[in-house]
Amino acid sequence: MKKDSPLSIILIACIIIITGCSVNQAKIDNSLKKYFDSAKVDGCFSMVNNQTGAVTVYNMKLDTQRFLPASTFKIVNSLIGLETGRITDEKMLIKWDSIKRWNADWNRDLTMEQAFKVSAVNYYQEVARRIGRDTMKQWIDSLHYGNMNISGPIDSFWLNNTLKISPDEQLGLVKKLYFDKLPFQKRTQQIVKDVMLQENNTLYKLSYKTGWGFDEQSAIGWVVGWIEENRHVYFFVTLIKSPDKKIDMQAVRMKITKNILAQYGFFKGEM
């Protein structure tokens, strides 16, 4: 067996040191607990200040635990759809299949941009079917997306607890997307970044994708994205976990996220 050279041993040691330092330098902010407690939910929040590299985490245990991505998977579904030509651009229309669903915004013909904004499950289920299992699997594997498990129906693996990803992994994904570091064409990544932009004013830009699903015991909610102020970008992930499956997740996840961002001084154009 070939022995490791002194240089390779040094490099391995450096990698271990760098990895350890990044974890050890994360600031644990338990002051954020009050926002989750007031909503009677469990959860976690993580943020990276890209300018300084500072990492802030509340509830590290959940931050590194994997959950179903629910509609946050629309980020990756969009990227793969665009890269493979199954989605031509953000204006591509998919006709409504005439099946009435609980969300009235889904019951119409939709473009990709519209479907992303209203989180139309049916639109993206059709996109996944057009992509196909083999192509989808190749991309999920190349991204090392969560547990990379897409077994079961091709149009629901991100909803039925087959595919799972951690908040920490979500944070890494959106950071790479922002800087065009994912293995997709720049055009593909730019289109997805553009449709993720939800609030844009003179003080800040807020880009994100939400998600809402259910595991065996809990309702799971997500807000995944970034906020830009004064040309500085901060990446964040909020995860909500509640035993109440009738929770108003749409309201709770955004209230907690915005309360935390406000506590950190955002929305004033001063960060």
Protein backbone atom coordinates (compact mmCIF):
# COMPACT_ATOMS: atom_id res chain seq x y z
CA MET A 1 0.00 0.00 0.00
CA LYS A 2 1.28 3.43 -0.90
CA LYS A 3 2.06 5.54 2.17
CA ASP A 4 0.62 9.00 2.49
CA SER A 5 3.17 11.68 1.75
CA PRO A 6 3.96 14.31 4.42
CA LEU A 7 2.24 16.91 2.20
CA SER A 8 -1.00 14.89 1.96
CA ILE A 9 -1.01 14.40 5.73
CA ILE A 10 -0.61 18.14 6.24
CA LEU A 11 -3.43 18.88 3.78
CA ILE A 12 -5.75 16.42 5.51
CA ALA A 13 -4.91 17.96 8.87
CA CYS A 14 -5.62 21.44 7.50
CA ILE A 15 -9.00 20.33 6.14
CA ILE A 16 -9.93 18.90 9.54
CA ILE A 17 -8.80 22.08 11.29
CA ILE A 18 -10.67 24.34 8.89
CA THR A 19 -13.85 22.27 9.18
CA GLY A 20 -13.62 22.22 12.96
CA CYS A 21 -13.02 25.96 13.21
CA SER A 22 -16.04 26.76 11.05
CA VAL A 23 -18.25 24.74 13.38
CA ASN A 24 -16.65 26.05 16.56
CA GLN A 25 -16.94 29.65 15.43
CA ALA A 26 -20.72 29.47 14.98
CA LYS A 27 -22.42 31.81 17.43
CA ILE A 28 -25.31 30.15 19.27
CA ASP A 29 -28.05 32.73 19.81
CA ASN A 30 -30.59 31.41 22.30
CA SER A 31 -32.31 34.81 22.44
CA LEU A 32 -34.22 33.69 19.33
CA LYS A 33 -36.04 31.01 21.32
CA LYS A 34 -38.73 33.49 22.36
CA TYR A 35 -40.05 33.81 18.80
CA PHE A 36 -40.59 30.07 18.50
CA ASP A 37 -42.01 29.80 22.01
CA SER A 38 -44.52 32.60 21.40
CA ALA A 39 -45.87 30.67 18.39
CA LYS A 40 -45.83 27.40 20.39
CA VAL A 41 -43.53 25.71 17.88
CA ASP A 42 -40.09 24.14 17.83
CA GLY A 43 -37.59 25.13 15.20
CA CYS A 44 -34.23 26.60 14.32
CA PHE A 45 -32.69 29.57 12.55
CA SER A 46 -29.30 29.95 10.91
CA MET A 47 -27.61 32.85 9.16
CA VAL A 48 -24.33 33.55 7.39
CA ASN A 49 -22.98 37.08 7.09
CA ASN A 50 -21.17 36.77 3.77
CA GLN A 51 -19.00 39.82 4.37
CA THR A 52 -17.45 38.49 7.59
CA GLY A 53 -18.20 34.78 7.31
CA ALA A 54 -19.86 34.89 10.73
CA VAL A 55 -22.36 32.10 11.32
CA THR A 56 -25.27 32.44 13.76
CA VAL A 57 -27.40 29.48 14.79
CA TYR A 58 -30.33 28.91 17.09
CA ASN A 59 -30.97 25.23 17.94
CA MET A 60 -28.00 23.46 16.38
CA LYS A 61 -29.62 20.05 16.89
CA LEU A 62 -32.41 20.81 14.41
CA ASP A 63 -30.09 22.78 12.13
CA THR A 64 -28.21 19.59 11.25
CA GLN A 65 -31.26 17.27 11.16
CA ARG A 66 -32.89 16.42 7.83
CA PHE A 67 -36.55 17.05 7.00
CA LEU A 68 -38.65 16.91 3.85
CA PRO A 69 -37.92 20.00 1.73
CA ALA A 70 -41.58 20.47 0.69
CA SER A 71 -41.89 23.45 -1.67
CA THR A 72 -38.35 24.69 -1.06
CA PHE A 73 -37.50 21.93 -3.56
CA LYS A 74 -38.98 24.23 -6.21
CA ILE A 75 -35.60 25.97 -6.18
CA VAL A 76 -33.86 22.83 -7.44
CA ASN A 77 -36.80 21.65 -9.55
CA SER A 78 -36.64 25.01 -11.34
CA LEU A 79 -32.88 24.80 -11.84
CA ILE A 80 -33.06 21.29 -13.31
CA GLY A 81 -36.11 22.13 -15.40
CA LEU A 82 -34.43 25.17 -16.92
CA GLU A 83 -31.07 23.47 -17.46
CA THR A 84 -32.65 20.51 -19.26
CA GLY A 85 -35.03 22.65 -21.33
CA ARG A 86 -38.15 21.21 -19.72
CA ILE A 87 -38.76 24.80 -18.64
CA THR A 88 -37.82 27.19 -21.43
CA ASP A 89 -37.83 30.33 -19.27
CA GLU A 90 -39.79 31.95 -16.44
CA LYS A 91 -42.65 32.76 -18.84
CA MET A 92 -43.27 29.14 -19.86
CA LEU A 93 -46.97 28.34 -19.45
CA ILE A 94 -48.35 25.01 -18.30
CA LYS A 95 -52.06 24.56 -18.80
CA TRP A 96 -54.23 23.84 -15.77
CA ASP A 97 -55.32 20.20 -15.67
CA SER A 98 -58.85 21.25 -14.53
CA ILE A 99 -58.45 19.46 -11.19
CA LYS A 100 -59.61 21.79 -8.43
CA ARG A 101 -57.18 22.00 -5.51
CA TRP A 102 -57.40 23.66 -2.08
CA ASN A 103 -55.43 26.73 -3.21
CA ALA A 104 -57.44 28.74 -5.73
CA ASP A 105 -54.23 30.34 -7.08
CA TRP A 106 -53.24 26.94 -8.48
CA ASN A 107 -56.46 26.40 -10.41
CA ARG A 108 -55.49 28.20 -13.60
CA ASP A 109 -52.89 28.26 -16.34
CA LEU A 110 -49.58 29.35 -14.82
CA THR A 111 -46.16 30.48 -15.97
CA MET A 112 -43.11 29.25 -14.08
CA GLU A 113 -42.71 32.67 -12.45
CA GLN A 114 -46.34 32.67 -11.29
CA ALA A 115 -46.17 29.04 -10.13
CA PHE A 116 -43.05 29.77 -8.09
CA LYS A 117 -44.61 32.80 -6.41
CA VAL A 118 -47.83 30.99 -5.43
CA SER A 119 -45.94 27.72 -4.79
CA ALA A 120 -48.15 25.73 -7.17
CA VAL A 121 -47.49 22.06 -6.45
CA ASN A 122 -49.31 20.87 -9.58
CA TYR A 123 -47.12 22.97 -11.92
CA TYR A 124 -43.92 21.57 -10.46
CA GLN A 125 -45.24 18.03 -10.36
CA GLU A 126 -45.69 18.28 -14.12
CA VAL A 127 -42.16 19.70 -14.46
CA ALA A 128 -40.78 16.74 -12.50
CA ARG A 129 -42.63 14.28 -14.72
CA ARG A 130 -41.18 15.95 -17.80
CA ILE A 131 -37.66 15.84 -16.34
CA GLY A 132 -37.99 12.11 -15.61
CA ARG A 133 -36.47 9.93 -12.92
CA ASP A 134 -33.05 9.22 -14.43
CA THR A 135 -32.28 12.85 -15.23
CA MET A 136 -33.64 14.04 -11.90
CA LYS A 137 -31.52 11.51 -10.03
CA GLN A 138 -28.37 12.53 -11.88
CA TRP A 139 -28.83 16.15 -10.88
CA ILE A 140 -29.80 15.41 -7.28
CA ASP A 141 -26.69 13.27 -6.93
CA SER A 142 -24.43 15.90 -8.52
CA LEU A 143 -25.78 18.50 -6.08
CA HIS A 144 -25.43 16.11 -3.14
CA TYR A 145 -28.91 17.33 -2.20
CA GLY A 146 -29.73 16.07 1.30
CA ASN A 147 -30.08 12.30 1.46
CA MET A 148 -30.41 12.16 -2.37
CA ASN A 149 -33.33 9.71 -2.11
CA ILE A 150 -35.97 10.21 -4.81
CA SER A 151 -37.54 6.76 -4.65
CA GLY A 152 -41.29 6.47 -5.10
CA PRO A 153 -43.45 8.59 -7.43
CA ILE A 154 -41.41 11.06 -9.48
CA ASP A 155 -43.94 13.82 -8.80
CA SER A 156 -44.02 13.68 -4.99
CA PHE A 157 -40.70 12.49 -3.54
CA TRP A 158 -40.03 15.96 -2.07
CA LEU A 159 -43.41 15.93 -0.30
CA ASN A 160 -43.71 12.41 1.14
CA ASN A 161 -40.61 12.22 3.38
CA THR A 162 -38.51 10.31 0.85
CA LEU A 163 -36.13 13.18 0.06
CA LYS A 164 -34.81 15.00 3.13
CA ILE A 165 -32.42 17.90 3.68
CA SER A 166 -31.13 19.79 6.72
CA PRO A 167 -31.36 23.55 7.31
CA ASP A 168 -27.56 23.64 7.25
CA GLU A 169 -27.54 22.01 3.80
CA GLN A 170 -30.24 24.40 2.58
CA LEU A 171 -28.08 27.32 3.68
CA GLY A 172 -25.14 26.03 1.65
CA LEU A 173 -27.35 25.54 -1.40
CA VAL A 174 -28.73 29.09 -1.52
CA LYS A 175 -25.31 30.58 -0.89
CA LYS A 176 -23.91 28.69 -3.88
CA LEU A 177 -26.92 29.72 -5.96
CA TYR A 178 -26.44 33.40 -5.15
CA PHE A 179 -22.83 33.30 -6.35
CA ASP A 180 -23.56 31.12 -9.42
CA LYS A 181 -21.51 28.28 -7.93
CA LEU A 182 -24.00 25.48 -8.62
CA PRO A 183 -23.35 23.18 -11.63
CA PHE A 184 -25.82 25.01 -13.87
CA GLN A 185 -25.47 27.68 -16.53
CA LYS A 186 -25.39 31.25 -15.23
CA ARG A 187 -28.65 32.00 -17.07
CA THR A 188 -30.37 29.13 -15.28
CA GLN A 189 -29.24 30.34 -11.86
CA GLN A 190 -30.11 33.96 -12.62
CA ILE A 191 -33.69 33.11 -13.59
CA VAL A 192 -34.20 31.24 -10.33
CA LYS A 193 -32.66 34.07 -8.31
CA ASP A 194 -34.97 36.54 -10.05
CA VAL A 195 -38.13 34.58 -9.22
CA MET A 196 -37.00 34.19 -5.61
CA LEU A 197 -37.02 37.98 -5.13
CA GLN A 198 -40.08 38.72 -3.00
CA GLU A 199 -39.50 42.23 -1.61
CA ASN A 200 -37.50 44.96 -3.30
CA ASN A 201 -37.31 48.55 -2.08
CA THR A 202 -34.76 51.28 -1.39
CA LEU A 203 -33.84 49.78 2.00
CA TYR A 204 -33.41 46.08 1.25
CA LYS A 205 -34.03 43.14 -1.06
CA LEU A 206 -35.54 39.97 0.40
CA SER A 207 -35.37 36.75 -1.61
CA TYR A 208 -36.71 33.42 -0.41
CA LYS A 209 -38.73 30.29 -1.00
CA THR A 210 -41.14 28.89 1.54
CA GLY A 211 -42.13 25.31 2.17
CA TRP A 212 -44.83 23.49 4.12
CA GLY A 213 -45.27 19.76 4.55
CA PHE A 214 -45.85 16.99 7.06
CA ASP A 215 -43.76 14.19 8.45
CA GLU A 216 -45.10 11.34 10.56
CA GLN A 217 -45.58 13.51 13.64
CA SER A 218 -45.33 17.20 12.77
CA ALA A 219 -46.04 20.03 10.40
CA ILE A 220 -42.78 21.26 8.86
CA GLY A 221 -42.33 24.81 7.61
CA TRP A 222 -39.42 26.50 5.84
CA VAL A 223 -38.20 29.93 4.77
CA VAL A 224 -34.95 29.68 2.80
CA GLY A 225 -33.15 32.61 1.17
CA TRP A 226 -31.16 35.80 1.67
CA ILE A 227 -31.48 39.49 2.46
CA GLU A 228 -29.40 42.26 0.89
CA GLU A 229 -28.74 45.66 2.43
CA ASN A 230 -26.09 48.20 1.45
CA ARG A 231 -24.64 45.71 -1.04
CA HIS A 232 -24.08 43.15 1.72
CA VAL A 233 -25.80 39.78 1.58
CA TYR A 234 -26.86 37.56 4.46
CA PHE A 235 -28.11 34.01 3.88
CA PHE A 236 -30.68 32.50 6.24
CA VAL A 237 -32.88 29.49 6.87
CA THR A 238 -35.85 29.21 9.21
CA LEU A 239 -37.27 25.80 10.06
CA ILE A 240 -40.58 25.40 11.93
CA LYS A 241 -41.67 22.12 13.53
CA SER A 242 -45.11 21.84 15.13
CA PRO A 243 -47.21 18.92 16.40
CA ASP A 244 -50.30 20.93 15.39
CA LYS A 245 -50.92 19.93 11.80
CA LYS A 246 -53.61 22.61 11.52
CA ILE A 247 -51.17 25.40 12.33
CA ASP A 248 -51.33 28.53 10.17
CA MET A 249 -47.86 27.79 8.84
CA GLN A 250 -47.99 30.47 6.16
CA ALA A 251 -48.32 33.17 8.82
CA VAL A 252 -46.12 31.64 11.52
CA ARG A 253 -43.04 30.96 9.41
CA MET A 254 -42.89 34.50 8.01
CA LYS A 255 -43.66 36.17 11.35
CA ILE A 256 -40.83 34.33 13.08
CA THR A 257 -38.41 34.98 10.22
CA LYS A 258 -39.16 38.69 10.01
CA ASN A 259 -39.07 39.12 13.79
CA ILE A 260 -35.61 37.57 13.88
CA LEU A 261 -34.35 39.67 10.98
CA ALA A 262 -35.76 42.79 12.66
CA GLN A 263 -34.00 41.89 15.92
CA TYR A 264 -30.74 41.74 13.99
CA GLY A 265 -31.36 45.24 12.63
CA PHE A 266 -32.57 44.50 9.10
CA PHE A 267 -35.26 46.34 7.09
CA LYS A 268 -33.77 49.78 7.91
CA GLY A 269 -31.12 49.95 5.19
CA GLU A 270 -28.40 50.15 7.82
CA MET A 271 -26.80 46.69 7.78
